[in-house]
Amino acid sequence: MSMITVSWDDPVVRTRLAAIRKRAPFVYGLTNYVAATLSANVLLAVGAAPAIGSAPGWPATFGRGAAAVWVNTAALMASSIQDLLETVRGARDSGVPWVLDPVAFGAGCAEYDGLVRQLLDFSPSVIRGNASELMALAGADARGKGVESTQGSHDAIPHIQTLSRQTGAVVAVSGATDYIVSGSSLFAVKGGDVRLTRVTGAGCALNALVAAFLPVSETVVEGTCAAHAVYAAAAERAGARTVGTGAFGVALLDELSMLAGLQ
């Protein structure tokens, strides 16, 4: 399988980011309370309109009515499995693209893993996570350390290819290089900054960004690749001008907003 590299320099990436600013898609997410603020701020930085959480009536209504949805399964810290199921059922039944982040799948919690697998029945458009999570979800013998990966993204390539075939979803794995698989196609996004692994919720926020790109892109894989390329470019730029993780986290939002022309 040949590999296609995608970056901020690709015109289609910039075009899709501009489309988010123009259309301001409503993006609904269920995520954990640790990641919610950064996820919302990432969406606002590029011009999307976020709503996060499972207030009464939101899961079914927003799952059906949003332009895109993302579900981080660590949302079970504050939301019920029924909330998650209502959200993804509404999205699937209404043709709303949605992103699944199977946080800590395969870390040794059998009941939790079973709940994550239920969500696969609702046809996620994109499955995105770290190498250990996605390898385990594909059936490989891989176990993460809590929510952290013990595997490299390159190690996950054959397994995310399997997972894409099993589910029909675009599958993206994060790492020093991000890899995205759709059917027989493999894409790579290089760059970023190691401090993305040291800012709470940075990976979860990428799921929100992927969701924002889906309704303004011609294909699911195009939107997924564009979101990763924009995030990597913003992280590189933030890393080049900051010292420390706190300043980096703020600079990441600044750089996303500047790439989107929303200074």
C-alpha atoms as a PDB file:
ATOM      1  CA  MET A   1       0.000   0.000   0.000  1.00  0.00           C
ATOM      2  CA  SER A   2       1.454   3.363  -1.009  1.00  0.00           C
ATOM      3  CA  MET A   3       1.341   6.211   1.482  1.00  0.00           C
ATOM      4  CA  ILE A   4       0.234   9.777   0.754  1.00  0.00           C
ATOM      5  CA  THR A   5       1.601  12.594   2.917  1.00  0.00           C
ATOM      6  CA  VAL A   6      -0.768  15.423   3.792  1.00  0.00           C
ATOM      7  CA  SER A   7       0.266  18.787   5.239  1.00  0.00           C
ATOM      8  CA  TRP A   8      -0.825  22.372   5.773  1.00  0.00           C
ATOM      9  CA  ASP A   9       0.743  23.194   2.419  1.00  0.00           C
ATOM     10  CA  ASP A  10      -1.986  21.261   0.586  1.00  0.00           C
ATOM     11  CA  PRO A  11      -4.510  23.756  -0.851  1.00  0.00           C
ATOM     12  CA  VAL A  12      -7.472  21.538   0.004  1.00  0.00           C
ATOM     13  CA  VAL A  13      -6.530  21.682   3.693  1.00  0.00           C
ATOM     14  CA  ARG A  14      -6.645  25.474   3.705  1.00  0.00           C
ATOM     15  CA  THR A  15      -9.867  25.477   1.693  1.00  0.00           C
ATOM     16  CA  ARG A  16     -11.620  23.215   4.178  1.00  0.00           C
ATOM     17  CA  LEU A  17     -10.434  25.290   7.138  1.00  0.00           C
ATOM     18  CA  ALA A  18     -11.776  28.419   5.454  1.00  0.00           C
ATOM     19  CA  ALA A  19     -15.093  26.625   4.953  1.00  0.00           C
ATOM     20  CA  ILE A  20     -15.416  26.045   8.698  1.00  0.00           C
ATOM     21  CA  ARG A  21     -15.017  29.760   9.313  1.00  0.00           C
ATOM     22  CA  LYS A  22     -17.608  30.546   6.641  1.00  0.00           C
ATOM     23  CA  ARG A  23     -20.196  27.966   7.679  1.00  0.00           C
ATOM     24  CA  ALA A  24     -19.618  27.814  11.471  1.00  0.00           C
ATOM     25  CA  PRO A  25     -20.883  24.212  11.751  1.00  0.00           C
ATOM     26  CA  PHE A  26     -22.643  23.217  14.966  1.00  0.00           C
ATOM     27  CA  VAL A  27     -20.553  20.412  16.479  1.00  0.00           C
ATOM     28  CA  TYR A  28     -21.883  18.412  19.430  1.00  0.00           C
ATOM     29  CA  GLY A  29     -19.655  16.377  21.677  1.00  0.00           C
ATOM     30  CA  LEU A  30     -19.749  14.039  24.627  1.00  0.00           C
ATOM     31  CA  THR A  31     -16.368  14.070  26.288  1.00  0.00           C
ATOM     32  CA  ASN A  32     -14.922  13.931  29.776  1.00  0.00           C
ATOM     33  CA  TYR A  33     -14.858  16.993  31.976  1.00  0.00           C
ATOM     34  CA  VAL A  34     -11.055  17.020  31.902  1.00  0.00           C
ATOM     35  CA  ALA A  35     -11.005  17.614  28.142  1.00  0.00           C
ATOM     36  CA  ALA A  36     -14.185  19.615  27.603  1.00  0.00           C
ATOM     37  CA  THR A  37     -12.777  23.132  27.898  1.00  0.00           C
ATOM     38  CA  LEU A  38      -9.868  22.595  25.517  1.00  0.00           C
ATOM     39  CA  SER A  39     -12.134  20.804  23.036  1.00  0.00           C
ATOM     40  CA  ALA A  40     -14.592  23.687  23.020  1.00  0.00           C
ATOM     41  CA  ASN A  41     -11.809  26.246  22.683  1.00  0.00           C
ATOM     42  CA  VAL A  42     -10.235  24.378  19.761  1.00  0.00           C
ATOM     43  CA  LEU A  43     -13.575  24.439  17.948  1.00  0.00           C
ATOM     44  CA  LEU A  44     -14.092  28.122  18.684  1.00  0.00           C
ATOM     45  CA  ALA A  45     -10.555  28.888  17.519  1.00  0.00           C
ATOM     46  CA  VAL A  46     -11.351  27.641  14.003  1.00  0.00           C
ATOM     47  CA  GLY A  47     -14.832  29.153  13.823  1.00  0.00           C
ATOM     48  CA  ALA A  48     -17.050  26.165  14.664  1.00  0.00           C
ATOM     49  CA  ALA A  49     -19.941  26.336  17.148  1.00  0.00           C
ATOM     50  CA  PRO A  50     -19.597  23.752  19.936  1.00  0.00           C
ATOM     51  CA  ALA A  51     -21.950  22.260  22.485  1.00  0.00           C
ATOM     52  CA  ILE A  52     -20.636  19.708  24.966  1.00  0.00           C
ATOM     53  CA  GLY A  53     -22.335  17.540  27.564  1.00  0.00           C
ATOM     54  CA  SER A  54     -25.445  15.523  28.271  1.00  0.00           C
ATOM     55  CA  ALA A  55     -27.953  17.989  29.652  1.00  0.00           C
ATOM     56  CA  PRO A  56     -31.525  16.623  29.606  1.00  0.00           C
ATOM     57  CA  GLY A  57     -32.710  16.188  26.021  1.00  0.00           C
ATOM     58  CA  TRP A  58     -29.392  17.099  24.431  1.00  0.00           C
ATOM     59  CA  PRO A  59     -28.112  13.653  23.374  1.00  0.00           C
ATOM     60  CA  ALA A  60     -31.049  12.713  21.158  1.00  0.00           C
ATOM     61  CA  THR A  61     -31.820  16.241  19.923  1.00  0.00           C
ATOM     62  CA  PHE A  62     -28.269  17.373  19.233  1.00  0.00           C
ATOM     63  CA  GLY A  63     -27.223  13.960  17.951  1.00  0.00           C
ATOM     64  CA  ARG A  64     -29.847  14.348  15.230  1.00  0.00           C
ATOM     65  CA  GLY A  65     -29.498  18.067  14.635  1.00  0.00           C
ATOM     66  CA  ALA A  66     -25.782  18.811  14.739  1.00  0.00           C
ATOM     67  CA  ALA A  67     -23.632  19.143  11.642  1.00  0.00           C
ATOM     68  CA  ALA A  68     -21.254  16.613  13.216  1.00  0.00           C
ATOM     69  CA  VAL A  69     -20.787  14.754  16.493  1.00  0.00           C
ATOM     70  CA  TRP A  70     -17.873  13.361  18.428  1.00  0.00           C
ATOM     71  CA  VAL A  71     -17.971  10.906  21.307  1.00  0.00           C
ATOM     72  CA  ASN A  72     -15.034  10.387  23.632  1.00  0.00           C
ATOM     73  CA  THR A  73     -15.971   7.291  25.634  1.00  0.00           C
ATOM     74  CA  ALA A  74     -14.367   8.744  28.763  1.00  0.00           C
ATOM     75  CA  ALA A  75     -17.538  10.858  28.765  1.00  0.00           C
ATOM     76  CA  LEU A  76     -18.866   7.974  30.868  1.00  0.00           C
ATOM     77  CA  MET A  77     -17.172   9.747  33.778  1.00  0.00           C
ATOM     78  CA  ALA A  78     -20.170  12.097  33.811  1.00  0.00           C
ATOM     79  CA  SER A  79     -22.639  10.811  31.195  1.00  0.00           C
ATOM     80  CA  SER A  80     -24.564   7.550  31.074  1.00  0.00           C
ATOM     81  CA  ILE A  81     -24.198   4.838  28.473  1.00  0.00           C
ATOM     82  CA  GLN A  82     -27.775   5.725  27.479  1.00  0.00           C
ATOM     83  CA  ASP A  83     -26.627   9.285  26.766  1.00  0.00           C
ATOM     84  CA  LEU A  84     -23.897   7.981  24.484  1.00  0.00           C
ATOM     85  CA  LEU A  85     -26.229   5.543  22.741  1.00  0.00           C
ATOM     86  CA  GLU A  86     -28.923   8.177  22.181  1.00  0.00           C
ATOM     87  CA  THR A  87     -26.355  10.546  20.701  1.00  0.00           C
ATOM     88  CA  VAL A  88     -24.877   8.102  18.216  1.00  0.00           C
ATOM     89  CA  ARG A  89     -28.243   6.595  17.346  1.00  0.00           C
ATOM     90  CA  GLY A  90     -29.564  10.049  16.522  1.00  0.00           C
ATOM     91  CA  ALA A  91     -26.480  10.813  14.436  1.00  0.00           C
ATOM     92  CA  ARG A  92     -26.619   7.548  12.519  1.00  0.00           C
ATOM     93  CA  ASP A  93     -30.348   7.724  11.862  1.00  0.00           C
ATOM     94  CA  SER A  94     -30.094  11.326  10.636  1.00  0.00           C
ATOM     95  CA  GLY A  95     -26.979  10.838   8.516  1.00  0.00           C
ATOM     96  CA  VAL A  96     -24.849  13.047  10.769  1.00  0.00           C
ATOM     97  CA  PRO A  97     -21.134  12.144  10.598  1.00  0.00           C
ATOM     98  CA  TRP A  98     -19.657  11.221  13.951  1.00  0.00           C
ATOM     99  CA  VAL A  99     -16.242  10.509  15.451  1.00  0.00           C
ATOM    100  CA  LEU A 100     -15.514   7.823  18.053  1.00  0.00           C
ATOM    101  CA  ASP A 101     -12.549   8.084  20.420  1.00  0.00           C
ATOM    102  CA  PRO A 102     -12.299   4.756  22.333  1.00  0.00           C
ATOM    103  CA  VAL A 103     -10.322   6.181  25.257  1.00  0.00           C
ATOM    104  CA  ALA A 104      -8.452   3.541  27.286  1.00  0.00           C
ATOM    105  CA  PHE A 105      -9.974   0.662  25.338  1.00  0.00           C
ATOM    106  CA  GLY A 106      -7.995  -2.504  26.078  1.00  0.00           C
ATOM    107  CA  ALA A 107      -6.560  -1.186  29.342  1.00  0.00           C
ATOM    108  CA  GLY A 108      -8.090  -4.072  31.276  1.00  0.00           C
ATOM    109  CA  CYS A 109     -11.666  -2.943  32.037  1.00  0.00           C
ATOM    110  CA  ALA A 110     -13.848  -5.602  30.430  1.00  0.00           C
ATOM    111  CA  GLU A 111     -17.209  -3.982  31.210  1.00  0.00           C
ATOM    112  CA  TYR A 112     -16.045  -0.636  29.824  1.00  0.00           C
ATOM    113  CA  ASP A 113     -14.641  -2.307  26.702  1.00  0.00           C
ATOM    114  CA  GLY A 114     -18.008  -3.945  26.121  1.00  0.00           C
ATOM    115  CA  LEU A 115     -19.738  -0.575  26.225  1.00  0.00           C
ATOM    116  CA  VAL A 116     -17.245   0.823  23.712  1.00  0.00           C
ATOM    117  CA  ARG A 117     -17.934  -2.063  21.351  1.00  0.00           C
ATOM    118  CA  GLN A 118     -21.654  -1.321  21.493  1.00  0.00           C
ATOM    119  CA  LEU A 119     -20.952   2.039  19.900  1.00  0.00           C
ATOM    120  CA  LEU A 120     -19.418   0.382  16.842  1.00  0.00           C
ATOM    121  CA  ASP A 121     -22.900  -0.880  15.945  1.00  0.00           C
ATOM    122  CA  PHE A 122     -23.871   2.729  15.160  1.00  0.00           C
ATOM    123  CA  SER A 123     -21.458   3.126  12.247  1.00  0.00           C
ATOM    124  CA  PRO A 124     -18.949   5.795  13.282  1.00  0.00           C
ATOM    125  CA  SER A 125     -17.612   7.816  10.367  1.00  0.00           C
ATOM    126  CA  VAL A 126     -14.183   8.070  11.993  1.00  0.00           C
ATOM    127  CA  ILE A 127     -12.468   6.123  14.751  1.00  0.00           C
ATOM    128  CA  ARG A 128      -9.493   7.994  16.176  1.00  0.00           C
ATOM    129  CA  GLY A 129      -7.218   7.152  19.078  1.00  0.00           C
ATOM    130  CA  ASN A 130      -3.760   6.105  20.133  1.00  0.00           C
ATOM    131  CA  ALA A 131      -1.985   2.996  18.932  1.00  0.00           C
ATOM    132  CA  SER A 132      -2.735   0.767  21.929  1.00  0.00           C
ATOM    133  CA  GLU A 133      -6.443   1.609  21.880  1.00  0.00           C
ATOM    134  CA  LEU A 134      -6.898   0.995  18.170  1.00  0.00           C
ATOM    135  CA  MET A 135      -4.776  -2.136  18.061  1.00  0.00           C
ATOM    136  CA  ALA A 136      -6.835  -3.634  20.896  1.00  0.00           C
ATOM    137  CA  LEU A 137     -10.093  -2.582  19.225  1.00  0.00           C
ATOM    138  CA  ALA A 138      -8.942  -4.379  16.072  1.00  0.00           C
ATOM    139  CA  GLY A 139      -8.382  -7.538  18.098  1.00  0.00           C
ATOM    140  CA  ALA A 140      -4.613  -7.374  18.576  1.00  0.00           C
ATOM    141  CA  ASP A 141      -2.883  -8.189  21.856  1.00  0.00           C
ATOM    142  CA  ALA A 142      -2.143  -4.604  22.879  1.00  0.00           C
ATOM    143  CA  ARG A 143      -2.768  -2.978  26.221  1.00  0.00           C
ATOM    144  CA  GLY A 144      -2.430   0.669  27.071  1.00  0.00           C
ATOM    145  CA  LYS A 145      -1.133   2.130  30.297  1.00  0.00           C
ATOM    146  CA  GLY A 146      -4.326   3.772  31.522  1.00  0.00           C
ATOM    147  CA  VAL A 147      -5.211   6.269  28.812  1.00  0.00           C
ATOM    148  CA  GLU A 148      -1.660   6.312  27.422  1.00  0.00           C
ATOM    149  CA  SER A 149      -0.333   4.231  24.534  1.00  0.00           C
ATOM    150  CA  THR A 150       2.457   1.709  24.943  1.00  0.00           C
ATOM    151  CA  GLN A 151       2.765   1.302  21.162  1.00  0.00           C
ATOM    152  CA  GLY A 152       4.008   3.551  18.365  1.00  0.00           C
ATOM    153  CA  SER A 153       1.688   4.816  15.668  1.00  0.00           C
ATOM    154  CA  HIS A 154       3.676   3.044  12.933  1.00  0.00           C
ATOM    155  CA  ASP A 155       3.172  -0.281  14.737  1.00  0.00           C
ATOM    156  CA  ALA A 156      -0.578   0.215  14.468  1.00  0.00           C
ATOM    157  CA  ILE A 157      -0.794   0.562  10.677  1.00  0.00           C
ATOM    158  CA  PRO A 158      -1.760  -3.043   9.814  1.00  0.00           C
ATOM    159  CA  HIS A 159      -4.223  -3.083  12.695  1.00  0.00           C
ATOM    160  CA  ILE A 160      -5.978   0.151  11.759  1.00  0.00           C
ATOM    161  CA  GLN A 161      -6.246  -1.217   8.229  1.00  0.00           C
ATOM    162  CA  THR A 162      -8.025  -4.230   9.716  1.00  0.00           C
ATOM    163  CA  LEU A 163     -10.244  -2.034  11.863  1.00  0.00           C
ATOM    164  CA  SER A 164     -11.197   0.098   8.870  1.00  0.00           C
ATOM    165  CA  ARG A 165     -12.178  -3.031   6.938  1.00  0.00           C
ATOM    166  CA  GLN A 166     -14.140  -4.375   9.915  1.00  0.00           C
ATOM    167  CA  THR A 167     -16.122  -1.194  10.549  1.00  0.00           C
ATOM    168  CA  GLY A 168     -16.158   0.697   7.256  1.00  0.00           C
ATOM    169  CA  ALA A 169     -14.888   3.749   9.145  1.00  0.00           C
ATOM    170  CA  VAL A 170     -11.926   5.959   8.447  1.00  0.00           C
ATOM    171  CA  VAL A 171      -9.413   5.117  11.183  1.00  0.00           C
ATOM    172  CA  ALA A 172      -6.757   7.528  12.432  1.00  0.00           C
ATOM    173  CA  VAL A 173      -3.954   6.817  14.883  1.00  0.00           C
ATOM    174  CA  SER A 174      -1.992   9.553  16.636  1.00  0.00           C
ATOM    175  CA  GLY A 175       1.724   9.545  17.293  1.00  0.00           C
ATOM    176  CA  ALA A 176       4.973  11.134  16.203  1.00  0.00           C
ATOM    177  CA  THR A 177       3.417  10.700  12.753  1.00  0.00           C
ATOM    178  CA  ASP A 178      -0.355  10.422  12.463  1.00  0.00           C
ATOM    179  CA  TYR A 179      -1.649   7.751  10.088  1.00  0.00           C
ATOM    180  CA  ILE A 180      -5.112   7.715   8.548  1.00  0.00           C
ATOM    181  CA  VAL A 181      -6.601   4.716   6.742  1.00  0.00           C
ATOM    182  CA  SER A 182      -9.621   4.594   4.476  1.00  0.00           C
ATOM    183  CA  GLY A 183     -10.177   1.340   2.660  1.00  0.00           C
ATOM    184  CA  SER A 184      -6.997   0.642   0.713  1.00  0.00           C
ATOM    185  CA  SER A 185      -5.636   4.184   1.109  1.00  0.00           C
ATOM    186  CA  LEU A 186      -3.034   5.214   3.690  1.00  0.00           C
ATOM    187  CA  PHE A 187      -2.234   8.819   4.590  1.00  0.00           C
ATOM    188  CA  ALA A 188       0.454  10.279   6.846  1.00  0.00           C
ATOM    189  CA  VAL A 189       0.547  13.614   8.646  1.00  0.00           C
ATOM    190  CA  LYS A 190       3.908  14.535  10.085  1.00  0.00           C
ATOM    191  CA  GLY A 191       4.838  17.345  12.446  1.00  0.00           C
ATOM    192  CA  GLY A 192       3.150  18.486  15.602  1.00  0.00           C
ATOM    193  CA  ASP A 193       4.999  18.790  18.897  1.00  0.00           C
ATOM    194  CA  VAL A 194       5.743  16.330  21.691  1.00  0.00           C
ATOM    195  CA  ARG A 195       4.011  18.681  24.125  1.00  0.00           C
ATOM    196  CA  LEU A 196       0.669  17.620  22.667  1.00  0.00           C
ATOM    197  CA  THR A 197       1.150  14.538  24.865  1.00  0.00           C
ATOM    198  CA  ARG A 198       1.685  16.753  27.927  1.00  0.00           C
ATOM    199  CA  VAL A 199      -1.387  18.977  27.696  1.00  0.00           C
ATOM    200  CA  THR A 200      -4.511  17.423  29.163  1.00  0.00           C
ATOM    201  CA  GLY A 201      -7.173  16.812  26.546  1.00  0.00           C
ATOM    202  CA  ALA A 202      -5.068  17.660  23.485  1.00  0.00           C
ATOM    203  CA  GLY A 203      -5.838  14.318  21.852  1.00  0.00           C
ATOM    204  CA  CYS A 204      -9.513  14.551  22.752  1.00  0.00           C
ATOM    205  CA  ALA A 205      -9.673  18.039  21.258  1.00  0.00           C
ATOM    206  CA  LEU A 206      -8.362  16.675  17.966  1.00  0.00           C
ATOM    207  CA  ASN A 207     -11.481  14.497  17.755  1.00  0.00           C
ATOM    208  CA  ALA A 208     -13.607  17.624  18.039  1.00  0.00           C
ATOM    209  CA  LEU A 209     -11.586  19.240  15.258  1.00  0.00           C
ATOM    210  CA  VAL A 210     -12.001  16.178  13.025  1.00  0.00           C
ATOM    211  CA  ALA A 211     -15.755  16.374  13.569  1.00  0.00           C
ATOM    212  CA  ALA A 212     -15.766  20.054  12.570  1.00  0.00           C
ATOM    213  CA  PHE A 213     -14.074  19.262   9.267  1.00  0.00           C
ATOM    214  CA  LEU A 214     -16.453  16.478   8.234  1.00  0.00           C
ATOM    215  CA  PRO A 215     -19.486  18.555   7.174  1.00  0.00           C
ATOM    216  CA  VAL A 216     -17.342  20.926   5.085  1.00  0.00           C
ATOM    217  CA  SER A 217     -15.351  18.228   3.268  1.00  0.00           C
ATOM    218  CA  GLU A 218     -16.162  16.200   0.183  1.00  0.00           C
ATOM    219  CA  THR A 219     -15.240  12.908   1.838  1.00  0.00           C
ATOM    220  CA  VAL A 220     -14.732  11.661   5.371  1.00  0.00           C
ATOM    221  CA  VAL A 221     -11.083  10.838   4.763  1.00  0.00           C
ATOM    222  CA  GLU A 222     -10.428  14.277   3.261  1.00  0.00           C
ATOM    223  CA  GLY A 223     -11.848  15.976   6.339  1.00  0.00           C
ATOM    224  CA  THR A 224      -9.970  13.676   8.696  1.00  0.00           C
ATOM    225  CA  CYS A 225      -6.648  14.314   6.990  1.00  0.00           C
ATOM    226  CA  ALA A 226      -7.261  18.067   6.847  1.00  0.00           C
ATOM    227  CA  ALA A 227      -8.007  18.254  10.563  1.00  0.00           C
ATOM    228  CA  HIS A 228      -4.819  16.383  11.427  1.00  0.00           C
ATOM    229  CA  ALA A 229      -2.761  18.595   9.117  1.00  0.00           C
ATOM    230  CA  VAL A 230      -4.147  21.800  10.640  1.00  0.00           C
ATOM    231  CA  TYR A 231      -3.592  20.544  14.185  1.00  0.00           C
ATOM    232  CA  ALA A 232      -0.018  19.479  13.397  1.00  0.00           C
ATOM    233  CA  ALA A 233       0.771  22.851  11.811  1.00  0.00           C
ATOM    234  CA  ALA A 234      -0.653  24.762  14.764  1.00  0.00           C
ATOM    235  CA  ALA A 235       1.281  22.592  17.224  1.00  0.00           C
ATOM    236  CA  GLU A 236       4.527  23.077  15.315  1.00  0.00           C
ATOM    237  CA  ARG A 237       4.090  26.833  15.268  1.00  0.00           C
ATOM    238  CA  ALA A 238       3.134  26.917  18.939  1.00  0.00           C
ATOM    239  CA  GLY A 239       6.140  24.796  19.841  1.00  0.00           C
ATOM    240  CA  ALA A 240       8.536  27.016  17.936  1.00  0.00           C
ATOM    241  CA  ARG A 241       7.708  30.073  20.037  1.00  0.00           C
ATOM    242  CA  THR A 242       7.067  28.725  23.534  1.00  0.00           C
ATOM    243  CA  VAL A 243       8.867  27.117  26.458  1.00  0.00           C
ATOM    244  CA  GLY A 244       6.930  24.840  28.777  1.00  0.00           C
ATOM    245  CA  THR A 245       3.620  23.054  28.487  1.00  0.00           C
ATOM    246  CA  GLY A 246       1.358  25.772  29.877  1.00  0.00           C
ATOM    247  CA  ALA A 247       2.442  28.377  27.362  1.00  0.00           C
ATOM    248  CA  PHE A 248       2.287  25.750  24.617  1.00  0.00           C
ATOM    249  CA  GLY A 249      -1.359  24.960  25.369  1.00  0.00           C
ATOM    250  CA  VAL A 250      -2.365  28.603  25.059  1.00  0.00           C
ATOM    251  CA  ALA A 251      -0.210  29.100  21.967  1.00  0.00           C
ATOM    252  CA  LEU A 252      -1.852  26.090  20.306  1.00  0.00           C
ATOM    253  CA  LEU A 253      -5.211  27.862  20.451  1.00  0.00           C
ATOM    254  CA  ASP A 254      -3.640  31.096  19.242  1.00  0.00           C
ATOM    255  CA  GLU A 255      -2.056  29.376  16.267  1.00  0.00           C
ATOM    256  CA  LEU A 256      -5.271  27.578  15.330  1.00  0.00           C
ATOM    257  CA  SER A 257      -7.128  30.877  15.346  1.00  0.00           C
ATOM    258  CA  MET A 258      -4.447  32.540  13.229  1.00  0.00           C
ATOM    259  CA  LEU A 259      -4.447  29.710  10.704  1.00  0.00           C
ATOM    260  CA  ALA A 260      -8.216  30.132  10.488  1.00  0.00           C
ATOM    261  CA  GLY A 261      -7.899  33.905  10.138  1.00  0.00           C
ATOM    262  CA  LEU A 262      -9.696  34.596  13.426  1.00  0.00           C
ATOM    263  CA  GLN A 263      -7.048  36.600  15.296  1.00  0.00           C
END
